[in-house]
């Protein structure tokens, strides 16, 4: 899911020309779900195959994020990812991850 907005704002500067700053903002939401099961089959005494559950793995990840740019020289992003995983050998784990970044272009 995504949404983009383009716009800008004018900053009035006393005794100077007003400064226009263009900005672009993108909002994104990524959702991922996996569910995997492993089964092993073996014939019983009557020749009928019986299945038993082996390993399994389930995971859910939700990641909302925002990317922005002010002019062509300043940009950045903010995101948070929340993951839930359940694996037979490890158990359930809940993990949250916050990320923040700023990029400033400097020419010399």
N, C-alpha and C. Protein backbone atom coordinates (compact mmCIF):
# COMPACT_ATOMS: atom_id res chain seq x y z
N UNK A 1 0.86 -1.16 0.00
CA UNK A 1 0.00 0.00 0.00
C UNK A 1 0.91 1.22 0.00
N UNK A 2 0.62 2.18 -0.86
CA UNK A 2 1.46 3.38 -0.88
C UNK A 2 0.62 4.61 -1.24
N UNK A 3 1.12 5.75 -0.81
CA UNK A 3 0.50 7.04 -1.11
C UNK A 3 1.62 8.06 -1.27
N UNK A 4 1.52 8.89 -2.30
CA UNK A 4 2.53 9.92 -2.55
C UNK A 4 1.88 11.29 -2.55
N UNK A 5 2.62 12.27 -2.03
CA UNK A 5 2.16 13.66 -2.03
C UNK A 5 3.31 14.55 -2.47
N UNK A 6 3.03 15.42 -3.43
CA UNK A 6 4.03 16.39 -3.88
C UNK A 6 3.50 17.78 -3.61
N UNK A 7 4.35 18.61 -3.12
CA UNK A 7 3.93 19.98 -2.81
C UNK A 7 5.13 20.83 -2.49
N UNK A 8 4.90 21.85 -1.72
CA UNK A 8 5.99 22.73 -1.34
C UNK A 8 5.49 23.83 -0.45
N UNK A 9 6.43 24.63 0.01
CA UNK A 9 6.06 25.76 0.84
C UNK A 9 7.01 26.91 0.55
N UNK A 10 6.49 28.12 0.73
CA UNK A 10 7.28 29.33 0.51
C UNK A 10 7.61 29.94 1.87
N UNK A 11 8.89 30.18 2.07
CA UNK A 11 9.36 30.78 3.32
C UNK A 11 9.64 32.25 3.05
N UNK A 12 8.89 33.16 3.69
CA UNK A 12 9.16 34.59 3.49
C UNK A 12 10.42 35.01 4.23
N UNK A 13 11.33 35.60 3.52
CA UNK A 13 12.58 36.08 4.11
C UNK A 13 12.60 37.61 4.05
N UNK A 14 12.72 38.26 5.20
CA UNK A 14 12.72 39.73 5.20
C UNK A 14 13.91 40.29 4.41
N UNK A 15 13.65 41.26 3.57
CA UNK A 15 14.65 41.97 2.77
C UNK A 15 15.36 41.09 1.76
N UNK A 16 14.87 39.87 1.54
CA UNK A 16 15.43 38.97 0.53
C UNK A 16 14.27 38.39 -0.28
N UNK A 17 14.63 37.71 -1.32
CA UNK A 17 13.61 37.04 -2.13
C UNK A 17 13.07 35.84 -1.35
N UNK A 18 11.75 35.62 -1.41
CA UNK A 18 11.14 34.48 -0.73
C UNK A 18 11.75 33.18 -1.25
N UNK A 19 11.91 32.21 -0.38
CA UNK A 19 12.52 30.92 -0.74
C UNK A 19 11.43 29.85 -0.83
N UNK A 20 11.33 29.19 -1.98
CA UNK A 20 10.36 28.11 -2.19
C UNK A 20 11.06 26.77 -1.99
N UNK A 21 10.53 25.94 -1.12
CA UNK A 21 11.07 24.61 -0.88
C UNK A 21 10.08 23.56 -1.38
N UNK A 22 10.52 22.78 -2.32
CA UNK A 22 9.69 21.70 -2.84
C UNK A 22 9.82 20.51 -1.90
N UNK A 23 8.71 19.82 -1.63
CA UNK A 23 8.82 18.61 -0.82
C UNK A 23 7.96 17.51 -1.41
N UNK A 24 8.46 16.31 -1.30
CA UNK A 24 7.75 15.11 -1.74
C UNK A 24 7.73 14.14 -0.57
N UNK A 25 6.58 13.55 -0.32
CA UNK A 25 6.43 12.59 0.78
C UNK A 25 5.77 11.34 0.23
N UNK A 26 6.36 10.19 0.54
CA UNK A 26 5.79 8.88 0.16
C UNK A 26 5.52 8.09 1.43
N UNK A 27 4.30 7.62 1.58
CA UNK A 27 3.93 6.76 2.69
C UNK A 27 3.75 5.34 2.15
N UNK A 28 4.36 4.38 2.82
CA UNK A 28 4.30 2.98 2.38
C UNK A 28 3.95 2.08 3.57
N UNK A 29 3.21 1.02 3.30
CA UNK A 29 2.95 -0.02 4.29
C UNK A 29 3.18 -1.36 3.60
N UNK A 30 4.14 -2.12 4.10
CA UNK A 30 4.43 -3.46 3.59
C UNK A 30 3.96 -4.48 4.61
N UNK A 31 3.21 -5.48 4.15
CA UNK A 31 2.74 -6.55 5.02
C UNK A 31 3.14 -7.87 4.38
N UNK A 32 3.74 -8.74 5.17
CA UNK A 32 4.18 -10.04 4.67
C UNK A 32 3.79 -11.13 5.66
N UNK A 33 3.28 -12.24 5.14
CA UNK A 33 2.89 -13.38 5.97
C UNK A 33 3.34 -14.66 5.30
N UNK A 34 3.98 -15.53 6.07
CA UNK A 34 4.36 -16.86 5.57
C UNK A 34 3.92 -17.91 6.56
N UNK A 35 3.57 -19.07 6.04
CA UNK A 35 3.13 -20.20 6.86
C UNK A 35 3.61 -21.47 6.17
N UNK A 36 4.61 -22.12 6.74
CA UNK A 36 5.20 -23.31 6.13
C UNK A 36 5.13 -24.47 7.11
N UNK A 37 4.71 -25.63 6.60
CA UNK A 37 4.64 -26.85 7.40
C UNK A 37 5.35 -27.97 6.65
N UNK A 38 6.03 -28.82 7.37
CA UNK A 38 6.71 -29.96 6.78
C UNK A 38 6.08 -31.23 7.34
N UNK A 39 5.70 -32.13 6.45
CA UNK A 39 5.09 -33.39 6.88
C UNK A 39 5.93 -34.55 6.35
N UNK A 40 6.01 -35.61 7.14
CA UNK A 40 6.74 -36.81 6.77
C UNK A 40 5.75 -37.96 6.71
N UNK A 41 5.77 -38.70 5.61
CA UNK A 41 4.85 -39.82 5.45
C UNK A 41 5.57 -41.15 5.55
N UNK A 42 4.93 -42.09 6.20
CA UNK A 42 5.47 -43.45 6.31
C UNK A 42 4.30 -44.43 6.28
N UNK A 43 4.44 -45.54 5.58
CA UNK A 43 3.35 -46.51 5.53
C UNK A 43 3.21 -47.26 6.86
N UNK A 44 1.95 -47.52 7.23
CA UNK A 44 1.72 -48.30 8.44
C UNK A 44 1.67 -49.78 8.06
N UNK A 45 1.24 -50.65 8.97
CA UNK A 45 1.22 -52.10 8.71
C UNK A 45 0.26 -52.48 7.59
N UNK A 46 -0.78 -51.70 7.36
CA UNK A 46 -1.76 -51.99 6.30
C UNK A 46 -1.37 -51.36 4.96
N UNK A 47 -0.25 -50.66 4.92
CA UNK A 47 0.21 -50.03 3.69
C UNK A 47 -0.36 -48.64 3.47
N UNK A 48 -1.14 -48.14 4.43
CA UNK A 48 -1.68 -46.79 4.34
C UNK A 48 -0.62 -45.82 4.83
N UNK A 49 -0.41 -44.77 4.07
CA UNK A 49 0.61 -43.79 4.45
C UNK A 49 0.05 -42.86 5.52
N UNK A 50 0.75 -42.79 6.63
CA UNK A 50 0.38 -41.90 7.73
C UNK A 50 1.36 -40.72 7.75
N UNK A 51 0.82 -39.53 7.84
CA UNK A 51 1.65 -38.32 7.85
C UNK A 51 1.76 -37.78 9.27
N UNK A 52 2.97 -37.37 9.62
CA UNK A 52 3.19 -36.70 10.91
C UNK A 52 3.81 -35.33 10.62
N UNK A 53 3.43 -34.37 11.45
CA UNK A 53 3.96 -33.02 11.25
C UNK A 53 5.38 -32.93 11.78
N UNK A 54 6.25 -32.35 10.96
CA UNK A 54 7.63 -32.13 11.37
C UNK A 54 7.82 -30.69 11.77
N UNK A 55 8.74 -30.02 11.11
CA UNK A 55 9.00 -28.61 11.41
C UNK A 55 7.90 -27.72 10.84
N UNK A 56 7.71 -26.58 11.50
CA UNK A 56 6.82 -25.56 10.96
C UNK A 56 7.41 -24.20 11.21
N UNK A 57 6.97 -23.26 10.41
CA UNK A 57 7.46 -21.89 10.50
C UNK A 57 6.35 -20.94 10.10
N UNK A 58 6.07 -19.95 10.95
CA UNK A 58 5.07 -18.93 10.65
C UNK A 58 5.71 -17.57 10.93
N UNK A 59 5.42 -16.59 10.09
CA UNK A 59 5.94 -15.25 10.36
C UNK A 59 4.99 -14.20 9.79
N UNK A 60 4.93 -13.07 10.49
CA UNK A 60 4.13 -11.92 10.07
C UNK A 60 5.00 -10.69 10.25
N UNK A 61 5.05 -9.85 9.23
CA UNK A 61 5.85 -8.64 9.27
C UNK A 61 5.00 -7.48 8.77
N UNK A 62 4.98 -6.38 9.54
CA UNK A 62 4.28 -5.17 9.16
C UNK A 62 5.28 -4.02 9.23
N UNK A 63 5.40 -3.25 8.14
CA UNK A 63 6.40 -2.18 8.09
C UNK A 63 5.82 -0.92 7.47
N UNK A 64 5.36 0.01 8.30
CA UNK A 64 5.00 1.32 7.76
C UNK A 64 6.26 2.19 7.64
N UNK A 65 6.31 2.98 6.57
CA UNK A 65 7.48 3.84 6.39
C UNK A 65 7.07 5.13 5.67
N UNK A 66 7.93 6.14 5.83
CA UNK A 66 7.73 7.42 5.18
C UNK A 66 9.07 7.87 4.61
N UNK A 67 9.07 8.22 3.34
CA UNK A 67 10.26 8.76 2.69
C UNK A 67 9.93 10.19 2.28
N UNK A 68 10.86 11.10 2.48
CA UNK A 68 10.59 12.50 2.19
C UNK A 68 11.80 13.13 1.53
N UNK A 69 11.54 14.21 0.81
CA UNK A 69 12.65 14.99 0.23
C UNK A 69 12.26 16.46 0.24
N UNK A 70 13.19 17.27 0.67
CA UNK A 70 13.07 18.72 0.63
C UNK A 70 14.15 19.20 -0.31
N UNK A 71 13.78 19.72 -1.44
CA UNK A 71 14.69 20.08 -2.53
C UNK A 71 15.41 18.82 -3.00
N UNK A 72 16.37 18.97 -3.87
CA UNK A 72 17.10 17.80 -4.38
C UNK A 72 18.30 17.47 -3.50
N UNK A 73 18.55 18.27 -2.45
CA UNK A 73 19.75 18.08 -1.64
C UNK A 73 19.50 17.51 -0.26
N UNK A 74 18.25 17.49 0.19
CA UNK A 74 17.93 16.97 1.52
C UNK A 74 16.81 15.94 1.39
N UNK A 75 17.06 14.73 1.88
CA UNK A 75 16.04 13.68 1.85
C UNK A 75 16.24 12.79 3.07
N UNK A 76 15.27 11.94 3.30
CA UNK A 76 15.40 11.02 4.43
C UNK A 76 14.24 10.05 4.49
N UNK A 77 14.26 9.23 5.52
CA UNK A 77 13.21 8.23 5.70
C UNK A 77 13.04 7.88 7.17
N UNK A 78 11.85 7.42 7.50
CA UNK A 78 11.51 6.94 8.83
C UNK A 78 10.70 5.68 8.64
N UNK A 79 11.04 4.61 9.38
CA UNK A 79 10.26 3.37 9.26
C UNK A 79 10.30 2.61 10.58
N UNK A 80 9.30 1.78 10.75
CA UNK A 80 9.21 0.90 11.91
C UNK A 80 8.74 -0.46 11.41
N UNK A 81 9.44 -1.50 11.77
CA UNK A 81 9.06 -2.85 11.37
C UNK A 81 8.78 -3.69 12.60
N UNK A 82 7.64 -4.35 12.59
CA UNK A 82 7.26 -5.25 13.68
C UNK A 82 7.12 -6.65 13.10
N UNK A 83 7.91 -7.60 13.64
CA UNK A 83 7.91 -8.96 13.14
C UNK A 83 7.54 -9.93 14.24
N UNK A 84 6.70 -10.88 13.90
CA UNK A 84 6.36 -11.99 14.79
C UNK A 84 6.72 -13.26 14.05
N UNK A 85 7.52 -14.10 14.69
CA UNK A 85 7.86 -15.38 14.07
C UNK A 85 7.66 -16.50 15.08
N UNK A 86 7.23 -17.64 14.58
CA UNK A 86 7.01 -18.82 15.41
C UNK A 86 7.59 -20.01 14.66
N UNK A 87 8.67 -20.57 15.21
CA UNK A 87 9.35 -21.71 14.61
C UNK A 87 9.37 -22.82 15.65
N UNK A 88 9.10 -24.04 15.22
CA UNK A 88 9.02 -25.14 16.16
C UNK A 88 10.28 -25.28 17.00
N UNK A 89 11.45 -25.17 16.40
CA UNK A 89 12.70 -25.40 17.13
C UNK A 89 13.10 -24.22 18.03
N UNK A 90 12.61 -22.99 17.76
CA UNK A 90 13.02 -21.81 18.52
C UNK A 90 11.90 -21.29 19.40
N UNK A 91 10.68 -21.33 18.92
CA UNK A 91 9.55 -20.77 19.65
C UNK A 91 9.16 -19.43 19.05
N UNK A 92 8.31 -18.70 19.75
CA UNK A 92 7.79 -17.43 19.26
C UNK A 92 8.74 -16.28 19.63
N UNK A 93 8.94 -15.38 18.68
CA UNK A 93 9.75 -14.19 18.89
C UNK A 93 9.01 -12.98 18.32
N UNK A 94 8.99 -11.89 19.09
CA UNK A 94 8.43 -10.62 18.64
C UNK A 94 9.58 -9.60 18.60
N UNK A 95 9.75 -8.95 17.46
CA UNK A 95 10.86 -8.01 17.29
C UNK A 95 10.34 -6.71 16.68
N UNK A 96 10.75 -5.59 17.25
CA UNK A 96 10.44 -4.27 16.70
C UNK A 96 11.72 -3.58 16.29
N UNK A 97 11.72 -2.91 15.13
CA UNK A 97 12.91 -2.27 14.61
C UNK A 97 12.54 -0.89 14.08
N UNK A 98 13.13 0.17 14.65
CA UNK A 98 12.89 1.55 14.24
C UNK A 98 14.10 2.05 13.47
N UNK A 99 13.86 2.70 12.33
CA UNK A 99 14.95 3.23 11.52
C UNK A 99 14.65 4.68 11.15
N UNK A 100 15.71 5.50 11.16
CA UNK A 100 15.59 6.92 10.82
C UNK A 100 16.84 7.31 10.05
N UNK A 101 16.66 7.99 8.94
CA UNK A 101 17.82 8.40 8.16
C UNK A 101 17.63 9.75 7.53
N UNK A 102 18.73 10.52 7.42
CA UNK A 102 18.72 11.82 6.76
C UNK A 102 19.91 11.86 5.80
N UNK A 103 19.66 12.31 4.59
CA UNK A 103 20.72 12.45 3.58
C UNK A 103 20.81 13.93 3.20
N UNK A 104 22.00 14.50 3.34
CA UNK A 104 22.24 15.89 2.96
C UNK A 104 23.39 15.89 1.94
N UNK A 105 23.11 16.40 0.76
CA UNK A 105 24.12 16.45 -0.29
C UNK A 105 24.97 17.70 -0.08
N UNK A 106 26.29 17.49 -0.03
CA UNK A 106 27.23 18.60 0.15
C UNK A 106 28.20 18.58 -1.04
N UNK A 107 28.29 19.67 -1.75
CA UNK A 107 29.23 19.77 -2.86
C UNK A 107 30.33 20.76 -2.51
N UNK A 108 31.53 20.43 -2.89
CA UNK A 108 32.64 21.30 -2.55
C UNK A 108 33.50 21.66 -3.70
